[in-house]
């Protein structure tokens, strides 16, 4: 079986979980009998049995099926899942109208993915239900495959977790609510170690740097994986207040590393980690500071999250690919 990977995510400019997911799968799928290559748009001779898209298919990817290549797409609903109820109904109406009146433009927006792909991968069961409700995707053609984690996460779980700090791992970006967390940490007097980098040295990054005081707001920068797992093994807990995620690799790694986690009370977090993490509504700085203080003073001990290794996750992808290839066209 030969599978091509299509990624519209330039790693040099937009690092993050997509890069980790794609690289991990490309390394491990060959052990499950799957040969993998990046899609070479310039190579007219490139052949494959299946194409996996880490984005929704457009009319261009629709041509693959006409060539006898099956198509699977990973559905990212992170920002969509964070919409208000009125926002969700408005988006659902917009999708329905666009698909009916302007199917080409709906396809270019990725809103016709149920028609243009043979199967979908979702981060959670909530995402799969949302795909069915908003886009009319067939739930039987959707498979939930959580991200895997590095084996070193499980080693970190045996760490002391006796530090005087919390850890937050993520891109320094408005979507992650980095400034809100930094200000809440200063107001609450709770030490938080931030790990990650920004996409650019922009106004948001400069504002964040102005809040770094080395006491409550500590910035470790973009560290190696080994250093990251070291921080997690010593951390008192993990906190991330991102507005939207699909799965959220950093939260998954923290939970696999044995860290109590404080996440925003949003659909993406509940769908993935309900019962395994604490949640705080995203409100004003004062209320968020109080939530942070309570979490720091008494990190909850909840059931461990049943994280997959990357090899186990790759095995599930391989099984899905085989199922799609065996399905009648």
C-alpha atoms as a PDB file:
ATOM      1  CA  UNK A   1       0.000   0.000   0.000  1.00  0.00           C
ATOM      2  CA  UNK A   2       1.336   3.425  -0.956  1.00  0.00           C
ATOM      3  CA  UNK A   3      -0.056   6.611   0.600  1.00  0.00           C
ATOM      4  CA  UNK A   4       0.659  10.220  -0.341  1.00  0.00           C
ATOM      5  CA  UNK A   5       0.579  12.982   2.295  1.00  0.00           C
ATOM      6  CA  UNK A   6      -0.758  16.436   1.402  1.00  0.00           C
ATOM      7  CA  UNK A   7      -0.068  19.207   3.923  1.00  0.00           C
ATOM      8  CA  UNK A   8      -0.814  22.908   3.428  1.00  0.00           C
ATOM      9  CA  UNK A   9       1.181  23.908   6.442  1.00  0.00           C
ATOM     10  CA  UNK A  10       4.663  25.406   5.873  1.00  0.00           C
ATOM     11  CA  UNK A  11       6.628  24.195   8.876  1.00  0.00           C
ATOM     12  CA  UNK A  12       9.180  26.999   8.659  1.00  0.00           C
ATOM     13  CA  UNK A  13       6.438  29.601   9.041  1.00  0.00           C
ATOM     14  CA  UNK A  14       3.745  27.822  11.042  1.00  0.00           C
ATOM     15  CA  UNK A  15       5.142  25.179  13.388  1.00  0.00           C
ATOM     16  CA  UNK A  16       2.898  23.231  15.730  1.00  0.00           C
ATOM     17  CA  UNK A  17       0.840  20.117  16.222  1.00  0.00           C
ATOM     18  CA  UNK A  18       0.183  19.481  12.521  1.00  0.00           C
ATOM     19  CA  UNK A  19       3.915  19.171  11.923  1.00  0.00           C
ATOM     20  CA  UNK A  20       4.339  16.761  14.844  1.00  0.00           C
ATOM     21  CA  UNK A  21       1.392  14.612  13.715  1.00  0.00           C
ATOM     22  CA  UNK A  22       2.518  14.361  10.092  1.00  0.00           C
ATOM     23  CA  UNK A  23       6.153  13.657  10.887  1.00  0.00           C
ATOM     24  CA  UNK A  24       5.260  11.032  13.492  1.00  0.00           C
ATOM     25  CA  UNK A  25       2.949   9.176  11.109  1.00  0.00           C
ATOM     26  CA  UNK A  26       5.394   9.295   8.216  1.00  0.00           C
ATOM     27  CA  UNK A  27       8.084   7.774  10.433  1.00  0.00           C
ATOM     28  CA  UNK A  28       5.915   4.981  11.848  1.00  0.00           C
ATOM     29  CA  UNK A  29       3.509   3.930   9.085  1.00  0.00           C
ATOM     30  CA  UNK A  30       6.141   1.923   7.148  1.00  0.00           C
ATOM     31  CA  UNK A  31       6.352  -0.502  10.099  1.00  0.00           C
ATOM     32  CA  UNK A  32       2.634  -1.180   9.481  1.00  0.00           C
ATOM     33  CA  UNK A  33       3.080  -1.990   5.808  1.00  0.00           C
ATOM     34  CA  UNK A  34       2.335   1.503   4.479  1.00  0.00           C
ATOM     35  CA  UNK A  35       4.800   3.200   2.136  1.00  0.00           C
ATOM     36  CA  UNK A  36       4.511   6.988   2.432  1.00  0.00           C
ATOM     37  CA  UNK A  37       5.621   9.951   0.345  1.00  0.00           C
ATOM     38  CA  UNK A  38       4.798  13.655   0.338  1.00  0.00           C
ATOM     39  CA  UNK A  39       2.527  14.626  -2.532  1.00  0.00           C
ATOM     40  CA  UNK A  40       4.777  16.044  -5.277  1.00  0.00           C
ATOM     41  CA  UNK A  41       2.527  18.439  -7.149  1.00  0.00           C
ATOM     42  CA  UNK A  42       5.099  18.791  -9.923  1.00  0.00           C
ATOM     43  CA  UNK A  43       5.499  15.031 -10.526  1.00  0.00           C
ATOM     44  CA  UNK A  44       3.020  13.806 -13.137  1.00  0.00           C
ATOM     45  CA  UNK A  45       4.365  10.256 -12.806  1.00  0.00           C
ATOM     46  CA  UNK A  46       3.771   9.901  -9.048  1.00  0.00           C
ATOM     47  CA  UNK A  47       1.420   7.011  -8.265  1.00  0.00           C
ATOM     48  CA  UNK A  48      -0.361   5.908  -5.089  1.00  0.00           C
ATOM     49  CA  UNK A  49      -3.262   3.881  -3.737  1.00  0.00           C
ATOM     50  CA  UNK A  50      -4.490   6.538  -1.348  1.00  0.00           C
ATOM     51  CA  UNK A  51      -4.082  10.236  -0.601  1.00  0.00           C
ATOM     52  CA  UNK A  52      -4.421  11.584   2.941  1.00  0.00           C
ATOM     53  CA  UNK A  53      -5.077  15.292   3.302  1.00  0.00           C
ATOM     54  CA  UNK A  54      -4.294  17.213   6.460  1.00  0.00           C
ATOM     55  CA  UNK A  55      -6.831  19.771   5.284  1.00  0.00           C
ATOM     56  CA  UNK A  56     -10.249  19.531   3.682  1.00  0.00           C
ATOM     57  CA  UNK A  57     -10.352  18.549  -0.006  1.00  0.00           C
ATOM     58  CA  UNK A  58     -11.147  21.105  -2.696  1.00  0.00           C
ATOM     59  CA  UNK A  59     -12.040  20.531  -6.330  1.00  0.00           C
ATOM     60  CA  UNK A  60      -8.355  19.856  -7.060  1.00  0.00           C
ATOM     61  CA  UNK A  61      -8.145  16.907  -4.673  1.00  0.00           C
ATOM     62  CA  UNK A  62     -11.435  15.659  -6.074  1.00  0.00           C
ATOM     63  CA  UNK A  63      -9.549  14.728  -9.241  1.00  0.00           C
ATOM     64  CA  UNK A  64      -7.618  12.071  -7.301  1.00  0.00           C
ATOM     65  CA  UNK A  65     -10.701   9.868  -7.051  1.00  0.00           C
ATOM     66  CA  UNK A  66     -11.197  10.118 -10.813  1.00  0.00           C
ATOM     67  CA  UNK A  67      -7.665   8.684 -11.126  1.00  0.00           C
ATOM     68  CA  UNK A  68      -8.603   5.732  -8.911  1.00  0.00           C
ATOM     69  CA  UNK A  69      -6.827   7.108  -5.827  1.00  0.00           C
ATOM     70  CA  UNK A  70      -8.860   6.945  -2.629  1.00  0.00           C
ATOM     71  CA  UNK A  71      -8.958  10.114  -0.493  1.00  0.00           C
ATOM     72  CA  UNK A  72      -9.000  10.446   3.296  1.00  0.00           C
ATOM     73  CA  UNK A  73      -8.981  13.834   4.997  1.00  0.00           C
ATOM     74  CA  UNK A  74      -8.230  14.915   8.545  1.00  0.00           C
ATOM     75  CA  UNK A  75     -10.997  17.296   9.634  1.00  0.00           C
ATOM     76  CA  UNK A  76      -9.866  20.277  11.698  1.00  0.00           C
ATOM     77  CA  UNK A  77     -12.797  21.859  13.553  1.00  0.00           C
ATOM     78  CA  UNK A  78     -10.846  23.731  16.221  1.00  0.00           C
ATOM     79  CA  UNK A  79     -12.071  27.293  15.594  1.00  0.00           C
ATOM     80  CA  UNK A  80     -15.509  26.077  14.521  1.00  0.00           C
ATOM     81  CA  UNK A  81     -16.014  24.126  17.732  1.00  0.00           C
ATOM     82  CA  UNK A  82     -15.445  27.297  19.784  1.00  0.00           C
ATOM     83  CA  UNK A  83     -18.306  29.231  18.179  1.00  0.00           C
ATOM     84  CA  UNK A  84     -21.331  30.259  20.237  1.00  0.00           C
ATOM     85  CA  UNK A  85     -24.616  28.469  19.608  1.00  0.00           C
ATOM     86  CA  UNK A  86     -25.800  31.330  17.395  1.00  0.00           C
ATOM     87  CA  UNK A  87     -22.457  31.258  15.598  1.00  0.00           C
ATOM     88  CA  UNK A  88     -22.768  27.526  14.974  1.00  0.00           C
ATOM     89  CA  UNK A  89     -26.264  27.873  13.507  1.00  0.00           C
ATOM     90  CA  UNK A  90     -25.111  30.803  11.346  1.00  0.00           C
ATOM     91  CA  UNK A  91     -22.150  28.800  10.045  1.00  0.00           C
ATOM     92  CA  UNK A  92     -24.372  25.775   9.389  1.00  0.00           C
ATOM     93  CA  UNK A  93     -26.761  27.935   7.357  1.00  0.00           C
ATOM     94  CA  UNK A  94     -23.869  29.485   5.420  1.00  0.00           C
ATOM     95  CA  UNK A  95     -22.509  26.028   4.589  1.00  0.00           C
ATOM     96  CA  UNK A  96     -25.908  24.795   3.394  1.00  0.00           C
ATOM     97  CA  UNK A  97     -26.565  27.878   1.234  1.00  0.00           C
ATOM     98  CA  UNK A  98     -23.071  27.837  -0.297  1.00  0.00           C
ATOM     99  CA  UNK A  99     -23.260  24.141  -1.118  1.00  0.00           C
ATOM    100  CA  UNK A 100     -26.612  24.614  -2.821  1.00  0.00           C
ATOM    101  CA  UNK A 101     -26.053  27.905  -4.688  1.00  0.00           C
ATOM    102  CA  UNK A 102     -22.312  27.862  -5.336  1.00  0.00           C
ATOM    103  CA  UNK A 103     -20.939  24.325  -5.041  1.00  0.00           C
ATOM    104  CA  UNK A 104     -17.586  25.262  -6.605  1.00  0.00           C
ATOM    105  CA  UNK A 105     -16.904  27.978  -4.038  1.00  0.00           C
ATOM    106  CA  UNK A 106     -18.171  25.726  -1.237  1.00  0.00           C
ATOM    107  CA  UNK A 107     -15.647  23.112  -2.363  1.00  0.00           C
ATOM    108  CA  UNK A 108     -12.837  25.671  -2.448  1.00  0.00           C
ATOM    109  CA  UNK A 109     -13.715  26.569   1.165  1.00  0.00           C
ATOM    110  CA  UNK A 110     -13.477  22.887   2.107  1.00  0.00           C
ATOM    111  CA  UNK A 111     -17.195  22.709   2.912  1.00  0.00           C
ATOM    112  CA  UNK A 112     -17.891  19.778   0.576  1.00  0.00           C
ATOM    113  CA  UNK A 113     -15.401  17.383   2.131  1.00  0.00           C
ATOM    114  CA  UNK A 114     -18.017  14.616   2.694  1.00  0.00           C
ATOM    115  CA  UNK A 115     -18.523  14.400  -1.104  1.00  0.00           C
ATOM    116  CA  UNK A 116     -14.888  14.783  -2.147  1.00  0.00           C
ATOM    117  CA  UNK A 117     -13.276  12.250   0.202  1.00  0.00           C
ATOM    118  CA  UNK A 118     -13.892   8.573   0.901  1.00  0.00           C
ATOM    119  CA  UNK A 119     -13.370   8.855   4.663  1.00  0.00           C
ATOM    120  CA  UNK A 120     -12.559  11.326   7.416  1.00  0.00           C
ATOM    121  CA  UNK A 121     -10.355  11.277  10.504  1.00  0.00           C
ATOM    122  CA  UNK A 122     -11.499  13.273  13.547  1.00  0.00           C
ATOM    123  CA  UNK A 123      -9.712  14.145  16.784  1.00  0.00           C
ATOM    124  CA  UNK A 124     -12.726  13.280  18.963  1.00  0.00           C
ATOM    125  CA  UNK A 125     -16.242  11.893  18.907  1.00  0.00           C
ATOM    126  CA  UNK A 126     -17.511  15.446  19.392  1.00  0.00           C
ATOM    127  CA  UNK A 127     -15.713  16.510  16.219  1.00  0.00           C
ATOM    128  CA  UNK A 128     -17.276  13.599  14.324  1.00  0.00           C
ATOM    129  CA  UNK A 129     -20.762  14.590  15.492  1.00  0.00           C
ATOM    130  CA  UNK A 130     -20.070  18.201  14.501  1.00  0.00           C
ATOM    131  CA  UNK A 131     -18.933  17.068  11.050  1.00  0.00           C
ATOM    132  CA  UNK A 132     -22.241  15.274  10.596  1.00  0.00           C
ATOM    133  CA  UNK A 133     -24.397  18.121  11.952  1.00  0.00           C
ATOM    134  CA  UNK A 134     -22.720  21.018  10.165  1.00  0.00           C
ATOM    135  CA  UNK A 135     -21.512  19.454   6.918  1.00  0.00           C
ATOM    136  CA  UNK A 136     -23.722  16.402   6.496  1.00  0.00           C
ATOM    137  CA  UNK A 137     -20.794  13.982   6.745  1.00  0.00           C
ATOM    138  CA  UNK A 138     -21.688  10.311   7.042  1.00  0.00           C
ATOM    139  CA  UNK A 139     -20.684   9.297  10.605  1.00  0.00           C
ATOM    140  CA  UNK A 140     -19.953   5.749   9.409  1.00  0.00           C
ATOM    141  CA  UNK A 141     -17.204   7.163   7.188  1.00  0.00           C
ATOM    142  CA  UNK A 142     -15.633   9.092  10.048  1.00  0.00           C
ATOM    143  CA  UNK A 143     -13.032   7.522  12.323  1.00  0.00           C
ATOM    144  CA  UNK A 144     -11.834   8.992  15.605  1.00  0.00           C
ATOM    145  CA  UNK A 145      -8.070   8.612  15.991  1.00  0.00           C
ATOM    146  CA  UNK A 146      -6.502  10.585  18.846  1.00  0.00           C
ATOM    147  CA  UNK A 147      -2.948  11.810  18.450  1.00  0.00           C
ATOM    148  CA  UNK A 148      -0.207   9.664  19.886  1.00  0.00           C
ATOM    149  CA  UNK A 149       2.517  10.825  22.230  1.00  0.00           C
ATOM    150  CA  UNK A 150       6.256  10.339  22.433  1.00  0.00           C
ATOM    151  CA  UNK A 151       7.287   7.407  24.643  1.00  0.00           C
ATOM    152  CA  UNK A 152       9.219   9.886  26.798  1.00  0.00           C
ATOM    153  CA  UNK A 153       5.884  11.263  28.043  1.00  0.00           C
ATOM    154  CA  UNK A 154       5.320   8.040  29.961  1.00  0.00           C
ATOM    155  CA  UNK A 155       8.813   8.310  31.439  1.00  0.00           C
ATOM    156  CA  UNK A 156       7.999  11.881  32.520  1.00  0.00           C
ATOM    157  CA  UNK A 157       4.910  10.538  34.310  1.00  0.00           C
ATOM    158  CA  UNK A 158       7.264   8.885  36.770  1.00  0.00           C
ATOM    159  CA  UNK A 159       8.846  12.247  37.603  1.00  0.00           C
ATOM    160  CA  UNK A 160       8.531  13.977  40.971  1.00  0.00           C
ATOM    161  CA  UNK A 161       6.114  16.737  39.835  1.00  0.00           C
ATOM    162  CA  UNK A 162       7.334  18.712  42.818  1.00  0.00           C
ATOM    163  CA  UNK A 163       8.211  22.030  41.182  1.00  0.00           C
ATOM    164  CA  UNK A 164       6.823  25.355  42.346  1.00  0.00           C
ATOM    165  CA  UNK A 165       5.528  26.153  38.849  1.00  0.00           C
ATOM    166  CA  UNK A 166       2.940  25.284  36.215  1.00  0.00           C
ATOM    167  CA  UNK A 167       3.896  24.718  32.581  1.00  0.00           C
ATOM    168  CA  UNK A 168       2.162  26.055  29.464  1.00  0.00           C
ATOM    169  CA  UNK A 169       3.285  24.688  26.094  1.00  0.00           C
ATOM    170  CA  UNK A 170       2.129  26.343  22.896  1.00  0.00           C
ATOM    171  CA  UNK A 171       2.799  28.946  20.246  1.00  0.00           C
ATOM    172  CA  UNK A 172       2.923  32.483  21.617  1.00  0.00           C
ATOM    173  CA  UNK A 173      -0.146  33.647  19.734  1.00  0.00           C
ATOM    174  CA  UNK A 174      -3.491  35.389  20.421  1.00  0.00           C
ATOM    175  CA  UNK A 175      -5.397  32.155  19.679  1.00  0.00           C
ATOM    176  CA  UNK A 176      -3.668  30.556  22.658  1.00  0.00           C
ATOM    177  CA  UNK A 177      -4.673  33.442  24.977  1.00  0.00           C
ATOM    178  CA  UNK A 178      -1.025  33.775  25.994  1.00  0.00           C
ATOM    179  CA  UNK A 179      -1.366  37.338  27.275  1.00  0.00           C
ATOM    180  CA  UNK A 180      -4.467  36.505  29.330  1.00  0.00           C
ATOM    181  CA  UNK A 181      -2.635  33.635  30.999  1.00  0.00           C
ATOM    182  CA  UNK A 182       0.486  35.717  31.653  1.00  0.00           C
ATOM    183  CA  UNK A 183      -1.521  38.559  33.199  1.00  0.00           C
ATOM    184  CA  UNK A 184      -3.587  36.139  35.273  1.00  0.00           C
ATOM    185  CA  UNK A 185      -0.380  34.487  36.515  1.00  0.00           C
ATOM    186  CA  UNK A 186       1.009  37.836  37.645  1.00  0.00           C
ATOM    187  CA  UNK A 187      -2.254  38.837  39.294  1.00  0.00           C
ATOM    188  CA  UNK A 188      -2.557  35.474  41.084  1.00  0.00           C
ATOM    189  CA  UNK A 189       1.128  35.232  42.011  1.00  0.00           C
ATOM    190  CA  UNK A 190       1.291  31.796  40.350  1.00  0.00           C
ATOM    191  CA  UNK A 191       4.564  30.887  38.594  1.00  0.00           C
ATOM    192  CA  UNK A 192       3.974  29.708  35.018  1.00  0.00           C
ATOM    193  CA  UNK A 193       6.768  28.535  32.721  1.00  0.00           C
ATOM    194  CA  UNK A 194       5.877  29.245  29.080  1.00  0.00           C
ATOM    195  CA  UNK A 195       7.418  26.967  26.454  1.00  0.00           C
ATOM    196  CA  UNK A 196       7.127  27.751  22.756  1.00  0.00           C
ATOM    197  CA  UNK A 197       7.811  30.440  20.223  1.00  0.00           C
ATOM    198  CA  UNK A 198       5.826  32.859  18.109  1.00  0.00           C
ATOM    199  CA  UNK A 199       5.349  32.766  14.361  1.00  0.00           C
ATOM    200  CA  UNK A 200       7.051  36.170  14.177  1.00  0.00           C
ATOM    201  CA  UNK A 201       8.510  38.852  16.426  1.00  0.00           C
ATOM    202  CA  UNK A 202       5.255  40.806  16.259  1.00  0.00           C
ATOM    203  CA  UNK A 203       3.336  43.114  18.608  1.00  0.00           C
ATOM    204  CA  UNK A 204       1.808  40.151  20.450  1.00  0.00           C
ATOM    205  CA  UNK A 205       5.210  38.614  21.103  1.00  0.00           C
ATOM    206  CA  UNK A 206       6.617  41.947  22.268  1.00  0.00           C
ATOM    207  CA  UNK A 207       3.637  42.386  24.609  1.00  0.00           C
ATOM    208  CA  UNK A 208       4.276  38.920  26.019  1.00  0.00           C
ATOM    209  CA  UNK A 209       7.977  39.632  26.555  1.00  0.00           C
ATOM    210  CA  UNK A 210       7.033  42.758  28.502  1.00  0.00           C
ATOM    211  CA  UNK A 211       5.143  40.555  30.992  1.00  0.00           C
ATOM    212  CA  UNK A 212       8.035  38.143  31.571  1.00  0.00           C
ATOM    213  CA  UNK A 213       9.401  38.873  35.036  1.00  0.00           C
ATOM    214  CA  UNK A 214      11.295  35.657  35.786  1.00  0.00           C
ATOM    215  CA  UNK A 215       9.125  35.019  38.854  1.00  0.00           C
ATOM    216  CA  UNK A 216       5.471  34.461  37.950  1.00  0.00           C
ATOM    217  CA  UNK A 217       5.900  34.706  34.179  1.00  0.00           C
ATOM    218  CA  UNK A 218       8.916  32.646  33.157  1.00  0.00           C
ATOM    219  CA  UNK A 219       9.824  32.104  29.519  1.00  0.00           C
ATOM    220  CA  UNK A 220      11.907  29.055  28.630  1.00  0.00           C
ATOM    221  CA  UNK A 221      11.629  29.671  24.878  1.00  0.00           C
ATOM    222  CA  UNK A 222      11.504  26.984  22.193  1.00  0.00           C
ATOM    223  CA  UNK A 223      13.188  24.095  23.991  1.00  0.00           C
ATOM    224  CA  UNK A 224      14.136  20.617  22.775  1.00  0.00           C
ATOM    225  CA  UNK A 225      11.740  17.728  23.335  1.00  0.00           C
ATOM    226  CA  UNK A 226      14.055  16.370  26.009  1.00  0.00           C
ATOM    227  CA  UNK A 227      13.941  19.678  27.899  1.00  0.00           C
ATOM    228  CA  UNK A 228      10.153  19.916  27.465  1.00  0.00           C
ATOM    229  CA  UNK A 229       9.596  16.489  28.979  1.00  0.00           C
ATOM    230  CA  UNK A 230      11.955  17.438  31.783  1.00  0.00           C
ATOM    231  CA  UNK A 231       9.859  20.510  32.581  1.00  0.00           C
ATOM    232  CA  UNK A 232       6.678  18.405  32.501  1.00  0.00           C
ATOM    233  CA  UNK A 233       8.152  15.773  34.826  1.00  0.00           C
ATOM    234  CA  UNK A 234       8.876  18.448  37.439  1.00  0.00           C
ATOM    235  CA  UNK A 235       5.811  20.613  36.910  1.00  0.00           C
ATOM    236  CA  UNK A 236       3.065  20.991  39.492  1.00  0.00           C
ATOM    237  CA  UNK A 237       0.558  21.073  36.630  1.00  0.00           C
ATOM    238  CA  UNK A 238      -0.179  22.183  33.088  1.00  0.00           C
ATOM    239  CA  UNK A 239      -2.326  25.072  31.881  1.00  0.00           C
ATOM    240  CA  UNK A 240      -3.498  26.094  28.406  1.00  0.00           C
ATOM    241  CA  UNK A 241      -6.338  28.479  27.582  1.00  0.00           C
ATOM    242  CA  UNK A 242      -6.436  28.142  23.792  1.00  0.00           C
ATOM    243  CA  UNK A 243      -9.614  29.251  22.037  1.00  0.00           C
ATOM    244  CA  UNK A 244      -9.583  26.390  19.561  1.00  0.00           C
ATOM    245  CA  UNK A 245      -7.782  23.098  19.011  1.00  0.00           C
ATOM    246  CA  UNK A 246      -8.229  19.783  17.237  1.00  0.00           C
ATOM    247  CA  UNK A 247      -7.025  17.303  19.800  1.00  0.00           C
ATOM    248  CA  UNK A 248      -4.341  19.621  21.241  1.00  0.00           C
ATOM    249  CA  UNK A 249      -1.068  17.728  21.331  1.00  0.00           C
ATOM    250  CA  UNK A 250       0.463  19.765  24.160  1.00  0.00           C
ATOM    251  CA  UNK A 251      -2.452  19.029  26.516  1.00  0.00           C
ATOM    252  CA  UNK A 252      -2.309  15.365  25.550  1.00  0.00           C
ATOM    253  CA  UNK A 253       1.432  15.199  26.234  1.00  0.00           C
ATOM    254  CA  UNK A 254       0.994  16.887  29.607  1.00  0.00           C
ATOM    255  CA  UNK A 255      -1.705  14.460  30.688  1.00  0.00           C
ATOM    256  CA  UNK A 256       0.347  11.483  29.471  1.00  0.00           C
ATOM    257  CA  UNK A 257       3.259  12.901  31.481  1.00  0.00           C
ATOM    258  CA  UNK A 258       1.148  12.792  34.641  1.00  0.00           C
ATOM    259  CA  UNK A 259       0.462  16.517  34.937  1.00  0.00           C
ATOM    260  CA  UNK A 260      -2.872  17.723  36.278  1.00  0.00           C
ATOM    261  CA  UNK A 261      -4.241  19.987  33.529  1.00  0.00           C
ATOM    262  CA  UNK A 262      -6.314  23.178  33.592  1.00  0.00           C
ATOM    263  CA  UNK A 263      -8.011  23.779  30.238  1.00  0.00           C
ATOM    264  CA  UNK A 264     -10.637  26.253  28.983  1.00  0.00           C
ATOM    265  CA  UNK A 265     -14.250  25.226  29.358  1.00  0.00           C
ATOM    266  CA  UNK A 266     -14.731  25.001  25.588  1.00  0.00           C
ATOM    267  CA  UNK A 267     -16.015  22.214  23.371  1.00  0.00           C
ATOM    268  CA  UNK A 268     -12.618  21.172  22.038  1.00  0.00           C
ATOM    269  CA  UNK A 269     -11.308  20.602  25.565  1.00  0.00           C
ATOM    270  CA  UNK A 270     -14.423  18.868  26.883  1.00  0.00           C
ATOM    271  CA  UNK A 271     -14.708  16.650  23.810  1.00  0.00           C
ATOM    272  CA  UNK A 272     -11.162  15.383  24.237  1.00  0.00           C
ATOM    273  CA  UNK A 273     -10.394  15.493  27.962  1.00  0.00           C
ATOM    274  CA  UNK A 274     -13.580  15.543  30.023  1.00  0.00           C
ATOM    275  CA  UNK A 275     -13.038  13.480  33.173  1.00  0.00           C
ATOM    276  CA  UNK A 276      -9.260  13.802  32.935  1.00  0.00           C
ATOM    277  CA  UNK A 277      -8.682  17.573  33.292  1.00  0.00           C
ATOM    278  CA  UNK A 278     -10.014  20.589  35.171  1.00  0.00           C
ATOM    279  CA  UNK A 279     -11.809  23.353  33.246  1.00  0.00           C
ATOM    280  CA  UNK A 280     -12.184  27.099  33.682  1.00  0.00           C
ATOM    281  CA  UNK A 281     -14.566  29.374  31.732  1.00  0.00           C
ATOM    282  CA  UNK A 282     -12.686  31.990  29.692  1.00  0.00           C
ATOM    283  CA  UNK A 283     -13.783  35.212  31.349  1.00  0.00           C
ATOM    284  CA  UNK A 284     -12.092  38.319  32.706  1.00  0.00           C
ATOM    285  CA  UNK A 285      -8.537  38.481  33.953  1.00  0.00           C
ATOM    286  CA  UNK A 286      -9.561  38.647  37.614  1.00  0.00           C
ATOM    287  CA  UNK A 287     -11.747  35.533  37.410  1.00  0.00           C
ATOM    288  CA  UNK A 288      -9.108  33.666  35.420  1.00  0.00           C
ATOM    289  CA  UNK A 289      -6.500  34.577  38.027  1.00  0.00           C
ATOM    290  CA  UNK A 290      -8.725  33.127  40.745  1.00  0.00           C
ATOM    291  CA  UNK A 291      -9.169  29.893  38.746  1.00  0.00           C
ATOM    292  CA  UNK A 292      -5.422  29.666  38.263  1.00  0.00           C
ATOM    293  CA  UNK A 293      -4.751  30.196  41.963  1.00  0.00           C
ATOM    294  CA  UNK A 294      -7.225  27.489  42.984  1.00  0.00           C
ATOM    295  CA  UNK A 295      -5.694  25.044  40.528  1.00  0.00           C
ATOM    296  CA  UNK A 296      -2.162  25.805  41.693  1.00  0.00           C
ATOM    297  CA  UNK A 297      -3.054  25.445  45.372  1.00  0.00           C
ATOM    298  CA  UNK A 298      -4.865  22.118  44.894  1.00  0.00           C
ATOM    299  CA  UNK A 299      -4.131  20.400  41.558  1.00  0.00           C
ATOM    300  CA  UNK A 300      -6.910  17.828  41.039  1.00  0.00           C
ATOM    301  CA  UNK A 301      -5.968  14.158  40.864  1.00  0.00           C
ATOM    302  CA  UNK A 302      -8.188  12.740  38.143  1.00  0.00           C
ATOM    303  CA  UNK A 303      -8.147   9.439  36.225  1.00  0.00           C
ATOM    304  CA  UNK A 304      -5.183   9.155  33.871  1.00  0.00           C
ATOM    305  CA  UNK A 305      -5.878   9.816  30.221  1.00  0.00           C
ATOM    306  CA  UNK A 306      -5.507   6.615  28.113  1.00  0.00           C
ATOM    307  CA  UNK A 307      -2.962   8.079  25.694  1.00  0.00           C
ATOM    308  CA  UNK A 308      -1.802   6.165  22.634  1.00  0.00           C
ATOM    309  CA  UNK A 309       1.807   5.845  21.599  1.00  0.00           C
ATOM    310  CA  UNK A 310       2.572   7.136  18.111  1.00  0.00           C
ATOM    311  CA  UNK A 311       3.066   3.554  16.967  1.00  0.00           C
ATOM    312  CA  UNK A 312      -0.446   2.647  18.161  1.00  0.00           C
ATOM    313  CA  UNK A 313      -1.887   5.714  16.420  1.00  0.00           C
ATOM    314  CA  UNK A 314      -0.067   4.793  13.192  1.00  0.00           C
ATOM    315  CA  UNK A 315      -1.542   1.297  13.434  1.00  0.00           C
ATOM    316  CA  UNK A 316      -5.041   2.766  13.540  1.00  0.00           C
ATOM    317  CA  UNK A 317      -4.324   4.904  10.476  1.00  0.00           C
ATOM    318  CA  UNK A 318      -2.998   1.846   8.625  1.00  0.00           C
ATOM    319  CA  UNK A 319      -6.157  -0.122   9.508  1.00  0.00           C
ATOM    320  CA  UNK A 320      -8.343   2.751   8.266  1.00  0.00           C
ATOM    321  CA  UNK A 321      -6.432   2.990   4.984  1.00  0.00           C
ATOM    322  CA  UNK A 322      -6.855  -0.748   4.408  1.00  0.00           C
ATOM    323  CA  UNK A 323     -10.588  -0.516   5.141  1.00  0.00           C
ATOM    324  CA  UNK A 324     -10.997   2.361   2.679  1.00  0.00           C
ATOM    325  CA  UNK A 325      -9.113   0.499  -0.066  1.00  0.00           C
ATOM    326  CA  UNK A 326     -11.264  -2.610   0.442  1.00  0.00           C
ATOM    327  CA  UNK A 327     -14.501  -0.637   0.280  1.00  0.00           C
ATOM    328  CA  UNK A 328     -16.284  -0.753  -3.120  1.00  0.00           C
ATOM    329  CA  UNK A 329     -15.778   2.434  -5.115  1.00  0.00           C
END
